[in-house]
Amino acid sequence: MSLNMSLLKIESGREIGRICRFIRGQMLRMRREGVVVGLSGGIDSAVSAELCLRALGKERVHALFFPRKNLSP
């Protein structure tokens, strides 16, 4: 079975914009002034934090880092 790679093409800039609009819309809908992002040290939380920063600006994003014993320094 061959995989058609053209079906997997993602326009990253467009997707980033779409996700940022969603974040802004949710914040406005919930009548919040900012967001708190929990950082685990992994790629998922890092990407979430970056998207929030792009969508809302650094003054509206607060990050909390919860270190764990088994995480790499």
PDB file of N, CA and C in Angstrom:
ATOM      1  N   MET A   1       0.838  -1.172   0.000  1.00  0.00           N
ATOM      2  CA  MET A   1       0.000   0.000   0.000  1.00  0.00           C
ATOM      3  C   MET A   1       0.888   1.241   0.000  1.00  0.00           C
ATOM      4  N   SER A   2       0.707   2.118  -0.974  1.00  0.00           N
ATOM      5  CA  SER A   2       1.499   3.346  -1.022  1.00  0.00           C
ATOM      6  C   SER A   2       0.708   4.488  -0.403  1.00  0.00           C
ATOM      7  N   LEU A   3       1.444   5.428   0.166  1.00  0.00           N
ATOM      8  CA  LEU A   3       0.835   6.562   0.842  1.00  0.00           C
ATOM      9  C   LEU A   3       0.978   7.783  -0.049  1.00  0.00           C
ATOM     10  N   ASN A   4      -0.106   8.435  -0.331  1.00  0.00           N
ATOM     11  CA  ASN A   4      -0.091   9.648  -1.137  1.00  0.00           C
ATOM     12  C   ASN A   4       0.280  10.826  -0.236  1.00  0.00           C
ATOM     13  N   MET A   5       1.533  11.275  -0.317  1.00  0.00           N
ATOM     14  CA  MET A   5       2.034  12.331   0.560  1.00  0.00           C
ATOM     15  C   MET A   5       1.332  13.668   0.329  1.00  0.00           C
ATOM     16  N   SER A   6       0.776  13.905  -0.839  1.00  0.00           N
ATOM     17  CA  SER A   6       0.098  15.172  -1.082  1.00  0.00           C
ATOM     18  C   SER A   6      -1.138  15.314  -0.203  1.00  0.00           C
ATOM     19  N   LEU A   7      -1.691  14.215   0.263  1.00  0.00           N
ATOM     20  CA  LEU A   7      -2.842  14.278   1.161  1.00  0.00           C
ATOM     21  C   LEU A   7      -2.446  14.737   2.559  1.00  0.00           C
ATOM     22  N   LEU A   8      -1.167  14.652   2.896  1.00  0.00           N
ATOM     23  CA  LEU A   8      -0.691  15.003   4.220  1.00  0.00           C
ATOM     24  C   LEU A   8      -0.117  16.413   4.298  1.00  0.00           C
ATOM     25  N   LYS A   9      -0.175  17.150   3.200  1.00  0.00           N
ATOM     26  CA  LYS A   9       0.410  18.490   3.175  1.00  0.00           C
ATOM     27  C   LYS A   9      -0.368  19.436   4.099  1.00  0.00           C
ATOM     28  N   ILE A  10       0.369  20.078   5.001  1.00  0.00           N
ATOM     29  CA  ILE A  10      -0.227  21.032   5.932  1.00  0.00           C
ATOM     30  C   ILE A  10       0.449  22.379   5.718  1.00  0.00           C
ATOM     31  N   GLU A  11      -0.345  23.401   5.558  1.00  0.00           N
ATOM     32  CA  GLU A  11       0.188  24.755   5.447  1.00  0.00           C
ATOM     33  C   GLU A  11       0.342  25.291   6.863  1.00  0.00           C
ATOM     34  N   SER A  12       1.545  25.185   7.404  1.00  0.00           N
ATOM     35  CA  SER A  12       1.772  25.489   8.821  1.00  0.00           C
ATOM     36  C   SER A  12       1.401  26.926   9.187  1.00  0.00           C
ATOM     37  N   GLY A  13       1.728  27.877   8.352  1.00  0.00           N
ATOM     38  CA  GLY A  13       1.393  29.272   8.660  1.00  0.00           C
ATOM     39  C   GLY A  13      -0.103  29.481   8.783  1.00  0.00           C
ATOM     40  N   ARG A  14      -0.841  28.850   7.899  1.00  0.00           N
ATOM     41  CA  ARG A  14      -2.307  28.956   7.946  1.00  0.00           C
ATOM     42  C   ARG A  14      -2.877  28.287   9.195  1.00  0.00           C
ATOM     43  N   GLU A  15      -2.327  27.145   9.542  1.00  0.00           N
ATOM     44  CA  GLU A  15      -2.792  26.434  10.735  1.00  0.00           C
ATOM     45  C   GLU A  15      -2.468  27.196  12.008  1.00  0.00           C
ATOM     46  N   ILE A  16      -1.281  27.795  12.063  1.00  0.00           N
ATOM     47  CA  ILE A  16      -0.913  28.607  13.220  1.00  0.00           C
ATOM     48  C   ILE A  16      -1.902  29.759  13.379  1.00  0.00           C
ATOM     49  N   GLY A  17      -2.223  30.413  12.292  1.00  0.00           N
ATOM     50  CA  GLY A  17      -3.193  31.511  12.330  1.00  0.00           C
ATOM     51  C   GLY A  17      -4.562  31.042  12.782  1.00  0.00           C
ATOM     52  N   ARG A  18      -4.996  29.899  12.297  1.00  0.00           N
ATOM     53  CA  ARG A  18      -6.300  29.346  12.666  1.00  0.00           C
ATOM     54  C   ARG A  18      -6.348  29.030  14.161  1.00  0.00           C
ATOM     55  N   ILE A  19      -5.294  28.418  14.674  1.00  0.00           N
ATOM     56  CA  ILE A  19      -5.251  28.067  16.096  1.00  0.00           C
ATOM     57  C   ILE A  19      -5.192  29.326  16.956  1.00  0.00           C
ATOM     58  N   CYS A  20      -4.422  30.323  16.540  1.00  0.00           N
ATOM     59  CA  CYS A  20      -4.337  31.575  17.302  1.00  0.00           C
ATOM     60  C   CYS A  20      -5.690  32.286  17.333  1.00  0.00           C
ATOM     61  N   ARG A  21      -6.410  32.284  16.229  1.00  0.00           N
ATOM     62  CA  ARG A  21      -7.749  32.880  16.212  1.00  0.00           C
ATOM     63  C   ARG A  21      -8.679  32.137  17.170  1.00  0.00           C
ATOM     64  N   PHE A  22      -8.556  30.826  17.207  1.00  0.00           N
ATOM     65  CA  PHE A  22      -9.365  30.024  18.129  1.00  0.00           C
ATOM     66  C   PHE A  22      -9.051  30.398  19.584  1.00  0.00           C
ATOM     67  N   ILE A  23      -7.773  30.511  19.914  1.00  0.00           N
ATOM     68  CA  ILE A  23      -7.372  30.857  21.286  1.00  0.00           C
ATOM     69  C   ILE A  23      -7.932  32.226  21.663  1.00  0.00           C
ATOM     70  N   ARG A  24      -7.766  33.216  20.785  1.00  0.00           N
ATOM     71  CA  ARG A  24      -8.300  34.559  21.064  1.00  0.00           C
ATOM     72  C   ARG A  24      -9.813  34.528  21.225  1.00  0.00           C
ATOM     73  N   GLY A  25     -10.478  33.797  20.355  1.00  0.00           N
ATOM     74  CA  GLY A  25     -11.934  33.698  20.413  1.00  0.00           C
ATOM     75  C   GLY A  25     -12.416  33.067  21.704  1.00  0.00           C
ATOM     76  N   GLN A  26     -11.746  32.011  22.146  1.00  0.00           N
ATOM     77  CA  GLN A  26     -12.137  31.353  23.391  1.00  0.00           C
ATOM     78  C   GLN A  26     -11.925  32.280  24.586  1.00  0.00           C
ATOM     79  N   MET A  27     -10.832  33.007  24.579  1.00  0.00           N
ATOM     80  CA  MET A  27     -10.557  33.918  25.685  1.00  0.00           C
ATOM     81  C   MET A  27     -11.624  35.015  25.748  1.00  0.00           C
ATOM     82  N   LEU A  28     -11.990  35.542  24.603  1.00  0.00           N
ATOM     83  CA  LEU A  28     -13.024  36.574  24.563  1.00  0.00           C
ATOM     84  C   LEU A  28     -14.386  36.008  24.956  1.00  0.00           C
ATOM     85  N   ARG A  29     -14.690  34.828  24.463  1.00  0.00           N
ATOM     86  CA  ARG A  29     -15.981  34.202  24.758  1.00  0.00           C
ATOM     87  C   ARG A  29     -16.137  33.948  26.252  1.00  0.00           C
ATOM     88  N   MET A  30     -15.047  33.578  26.901  1.00  0.00           N
ATOM     89  CA  MET A  30     -15.087  33.291  28.335  1.00  0.00           C
ATOM     90  C   MET A  30     -14.819  34.528  29.182  1.00  0.00           C
ATOM     91  N   ARG A  31     -14.639  35.672  28.504  1.00  0.00           N
ATOM     92  CA  ARG A  31     -14.416  36.961  29.172  1.00  0.00           C
ATOM     93  C   ARG A  31     -13.234  36.914  30.142  1.00  0.00           C
ATOM     94  N   ARG A  32     -12.141  36.402  29.656  1.00  0.00           N
ATOM     95  CA  ARG A  32     -10.909  36.327  30.440  1.00  0.00           C
ATOM     96  C   ARG A  32      -9.917  37.351  29.919  1.00  0.00           C
ATOM     97  N   GLU A  33      -8.990  37.722  30.771  1.00  0.00           N
ATOM     98  CA  GLU A  33      -7.971  38.689  30.377  1.00  0.00           C
ATOM     99  C   GLU A  33      -6.669  38.032  29.962  1.00  0.00           C
ATOM    100  N   GLY A  34      -6.501  36.764  30.280  1.00  0.00           N
ATOM    101  CA  GLY A  34      -5.278  36.063  29.941  1.00  0.00           C
ATOM    102  C   GLY A  34      -5.429  34.574  30.190  1.00  0.00           C
ATOM    103  N   VAL A  35      -4.314  33.871  30.018  1.00  0.00           N
ATOM    104  CA  VAL A  35      -4.319  32.421  30.194  1.00  0.00           C
ATOM    105  C   VAL A  35      -3.130  31.990  31.050  1.00  0.00           C
ATOM    106  N   VAL A  36      -3.274  30.818  31.647  1.00  0.00           N
ATOM    107  CA  VAL A  36      -2.188  30.182  32.378  1.00  0.00           C
ATOM    108  C   VAL A  36      -1.878  28.878  31.654  1.00  0.00           C
ATOM    109  N   VAL A  37      -0.608  28.678  31.342  1.00  0.00           N
ATOM    110  CA  VAL A  37      -0.174  27.466  30.649  1.00  0.00           C
ATOM    111  C   VAL A  37       0.747  26.691  31.583  1.00  0.00           C
ATOM    112  N   GLY A  38       0.430  25.430  31.809  1.00  0.00           N
ATOM    113  CA  GLY A  38       1.293  24.572  32.610  1.00  0.00           C
ATOM    114  C   GLY A  38       2.371  23.962  31.732  1.00  0.00           C
ATOM    115  N   LEU A  39       3.623  24.158  32.101  1.00  0.00           N
ATOM    116  CA  LEU A  39       4.742  23.632  31.325  1.00  0.00           C
ATOM    117  C   LEU A  39       5.318  22.386  31.993  1.00  0.00           C
ATOM    118  N   SER A  40       5.399  21.315  31.223  1.00  0.00           N
ATOM    119  CA  SER A  40       5.923  20.057  31.754  1.00  0.00           C
ATOM    120  C   SER A  40       7.367  19.820  31.339  1.00  0.00           C
ATOM    121  N   GLY A  41       7.833  20.574  30.377  1.00  0.00           N
ATOM    122  CA  GLY A  41       9.157  20.343  29.821  1.00  0.00           C
ATOM    123  C   GLY A  41       9.094  19.579  28.509  1.00  0.00           C
ATOM    124  N   GLY A  42       7.905  19.208  28.099  1.00  0.00           N
ATOM    125  CA  GLY A  42       7.720  18.466  26.853  1.00  0.00           C
ATOM    126  C   GLY A  42       7.354  19.363  25.689  1.00  0.00           C
ATOM    127  N   ILE A  43       7.342  18.774  24.514  1.00  0.00           N
ATOM    128  CA  ILE A  43       7.060  19.536  23.292  1.00  0.00           C
ATOM    129  C   ILE A  43       5.619  20.029  23.245  1.00  0.00           C
ATOM    130  N   ASP A  44       4.678  19.249  23.754  1.00  0.00           N
ATOM    131  CA  ASP A  44       3.263  19.659  23.699  1.00  0.00           C
ATOM    132  C   ASP A  44       3.023  20.948  24.473  1.00  0.00           C
ATOM    133  N   SER A  45       3.524  21.018  25.689  1.00  0.00           N
ATOM    134  CA  SER A  45       3.290  22.226  26.482  1.00  0.00           C
ATOM    135  C   SER A  45       4.088  23.406  25.928  1.00  0.00           C
ATOM    136  N   ALA A  46       5.246  23.159  25.350  1.00  0.00           N
ATOM    137  CA  ALA A  46       6.037  24.233  24.747  1.00  0.00           C
ATOM    138  C   ALA A  46       5.311  24.828  23.540  1.00  0.00           C
ATOM    139  N   VAL A  47       4.733  23.976  22.715  1.00  0.00           N
ATOM    140  CA  VAL A  47       3.989  24.456  21.548  1.00  0.00           C
ATOM    141  C   VAL A  47       2.741  25.205  22.001  1.00  0.00           C
ATOM    142  N   SER A  48       2.055  24.693  23.010  1.00  0.00           N
ATOM    143  CA  SER A  48       0.863  25.373  23.537  1.00  0.00           C
ATOM    144  C   SER A  48       1.219  26.765  24.040  1.00  0.00           C
ATOM    145  N   ALA A  49       2.312  26.878  24.766  1.00  0.00           N
ATOM    146  CA  ALA A  49       2.743  28.174  25.285  1.00  0.00           C
ATOM    147  C   ALA A  49       3.078  29.130  24.143  1.00  0.00           C
ATOM    148  N   GLU A  50       3.780  28.651  23.139  1.00  0.00           N
ATOM    149  CA  GLU A  50       4.145  29.498  21.992  1.00  0.00           C
ATOM    150  C   GLU A  50       2.908  29.985  21.251  1.00  0.00           C
ATOM    151  N   LEU A  51       1.947  29.109  21.045  1.00  0.00           N
ATOM    152  CA  LEU A  51       0.718  29.515  20.352  1.00  0.00           C
ATOM    153  C   LEU A  51      -0.047  30.559  21.165  1.00  0.00           C
ATOM    154  N   CYS A  52      -0.099  30.394  22.472  1.00  0.00           N
ATOM    155  CA  CYS A  52      -0.757  31.394  23.325  1.00  0.00           C
ATOM    156  C   CYS A  52      -0.026  32.724  23.264  1.00  0.00           C
ATOM    157  N   LEU A  53       1.303  32.687  23.277  1.00  0.00           N
ATOM    158  CA  LEU A  53       2.081  33.922  23.170  1.00  0.00           C
ATOM    159  C   LEU A  53       1.810  34.640  21.856  1.00  0.00           C
ATOM    160  N   ARG A  54       1.764  33.888  20.770  1.00  0.00           N
ATOM    161  CA  ARG A  54       1.478  34.494  19.464  1.00  0.00           C
ATOM    162  C   ARG A  54       0.065  35.055  19.404  1.00  0.00           C
ATOM    163  N   ALA A  55      -0.875  34.341  20.005  1.00  0.00           N
ATOM    164  CA  ALA A  55      -2.274  34.747  19.938  1.00  0.00           C
ATOM    165  C   ALA A  55      -2.588  35.935  20.837  1.00  0.00           C
ATOM    166  N   LEU A  56      -1.961  35.980  22.010  1.00  0.00           N
ATOM    167  CA  LEU A  56      -2.392  36.927  23.031  1.00  0.00           C
ATOM    168  C   LEU A  56      -1.347  37.949  23.434  1.00  0.00           C
ATOM    169  N   GLY A  57      -0.082  37.663  23.196  1.00  0.00           N
ATOM    170  CA  GLY A  57       0.993  38.550  23.639  1.00  0.00           C
ATOM    171  C   GLY A  57       1.475  38.158  25.020  1.00  0.00           C
ATOM    172  N   LYS A  58       2.730  38.463  25.309  1.00  0.00           N
ATOM    173  CA  LYS A  58       3.359  37.983  26.543  1.00  0.00           C
ATOM    174  C   LYS A  58       2.713  38.525  27.813  1.00  0.00           C
ATOM    175  N   GLU A  59       2.084  39.693  27.734  1.00  0.00           N
ATOM    176  CA  GLU A  59       1.462  40.256  28.938  1.00  0.00           C
ATOM    177  C   GLU A  59       0.189  39.517  29.351  1.00  0.00           C
ATOM    178  N   ARG A  60      -0.334  38.675  28.493  1.00  0.00           N
ATOM    179  CA  ARG A  60      -1.573  37.939  28.800  1.00  0.00           C
ATOM    180  C   ARG A  60      -1.358  36.442  29.007  1.00  0.00           C
ATOM    181  N   VAL A  61      -0.096  36.011  28.998  1.00  0.00           N
ATOM    182  CA  VAL A  61       0.213  34.584  29.157  1.00  0.00           C
ATOM    183  C   VAL A  61       1.096  34.391  30.391  1.00  0.00           C
ATOM    184  N   HIS A  62       0.652  33.522  31.268  1.00  0.00           N
ATOM    185  CA  HIS A  62       1.426  33.181  32.463  1.00  0.00           C
ATOM    186  C   HIS A  62       1.738  31.691  32.397  1.00  0.00           C
ATOM    187  N   ALA A  63       3.008  31.370  32.541  1.00  0.00           N
ATOM    188  CA  ALA A  63       3.433  29.969  32.460  1.00  0.00           C
ATOM    189  C   ALA A  63       3.864  29.479  33.829  1.00  0.00           C
ATOM    190  N   LEU A  64       3.432  28.285  34.171  1.00  0.00           N
ATOM    191  CA  LEU A  64       3.839  27.641  35.419  1.00  0.00           C
ATOM    192  C   LEU A  64       4.602  26.378  35.063  1.00  0.00           C
ATOM    193  N   PHE A  65       5.756  26.217  35.663  1.00  0.00           N
ATOM    194  CA  PHE A  65       6.572  25.036  35.404  1.00  0.00           C
ATOM    195  C   PHE A  65       6.553  24.154  36.640  1.00  0.00           C
ATOM    196  N   PHE A  66       6.132  22.930  36.452  1.00  0.00           N
ATOM    197  CA  PHE A  66       6.062  21.965  37.546  1.00  0.00           C
ATOM    198  C   PHE A  66       7.110  20.887  37.320  1.00  0.00           C
ATOM    199  N   PRO A  67       8.289  21.067  37.892  1.00  0.00           N
ATOM    200  CA  PRO A  67       9.336  20.063  37.693  1.00  0.00           C
ATOM    201  C   PRO A  67       8.968  18.741  38.372  1.00  0.00           C
ATOM    202  N   ARG A  68       9.425  17.665  37.777  1.00  0.00           N
ATOM    203  CA  ARG A  68       9.213  16.338  38.329  1.00  0.00           C
ATOM    204  C   ARG A  68      10.549  15.668  38.513  1.00  0.00           C
ATOM    205  N   LYS A  69      10.575  14.725  39.412  1.00  0.00           N
ATOM    206  CA  LYS A  69      11.812  14.024  39.739  1.00  0.00           C
ATOM    207  C   LYS A  69      12.411  13.309  38.522  1.00  0.00           C
ATOM    208  N   ASN A  70      11.559  12.764  37.667  1.00  0.00           N
ATOM    209  CA  ASN A  70      12.068  11.953  36.555  1.00  0.00           C
ATOM    210  C   ASN A  70      12.346  12.749  35.286  1.00  0.00           C
ATOM    211  N   LEU A  71      12.213  14.084  35.312  1.00  0.00           N
ATOM    212  CA  LEU A  71      12.516  14.892  34.137  1.00  0.00           C
ATOM    213  C   LEU A  71      14.010  15.177  34.062  1.00  0.00           C
ATOM    214  N   SER A  72      14.494  15.273  32.854  1.00  0.00           N
ATOM    215  CA  SER A  72      15.899  15.630  32.643  1.00  0.00           C
ATOM    216  C   SER A  72      16.120  17.085  33.051  1.00  0.00           C
ATOM    217  N   PRO A  73      17.230  17.402  33.686  1.00  0.00           N
ATOM    218  CA  PRO A  73      17.497  18.798  34.069  1.00  0.00           C
ATOM    219  C   PRO A  73      17.593  19.697  32.843  1.00  0.00           C
TER     220      PRO A  73
END
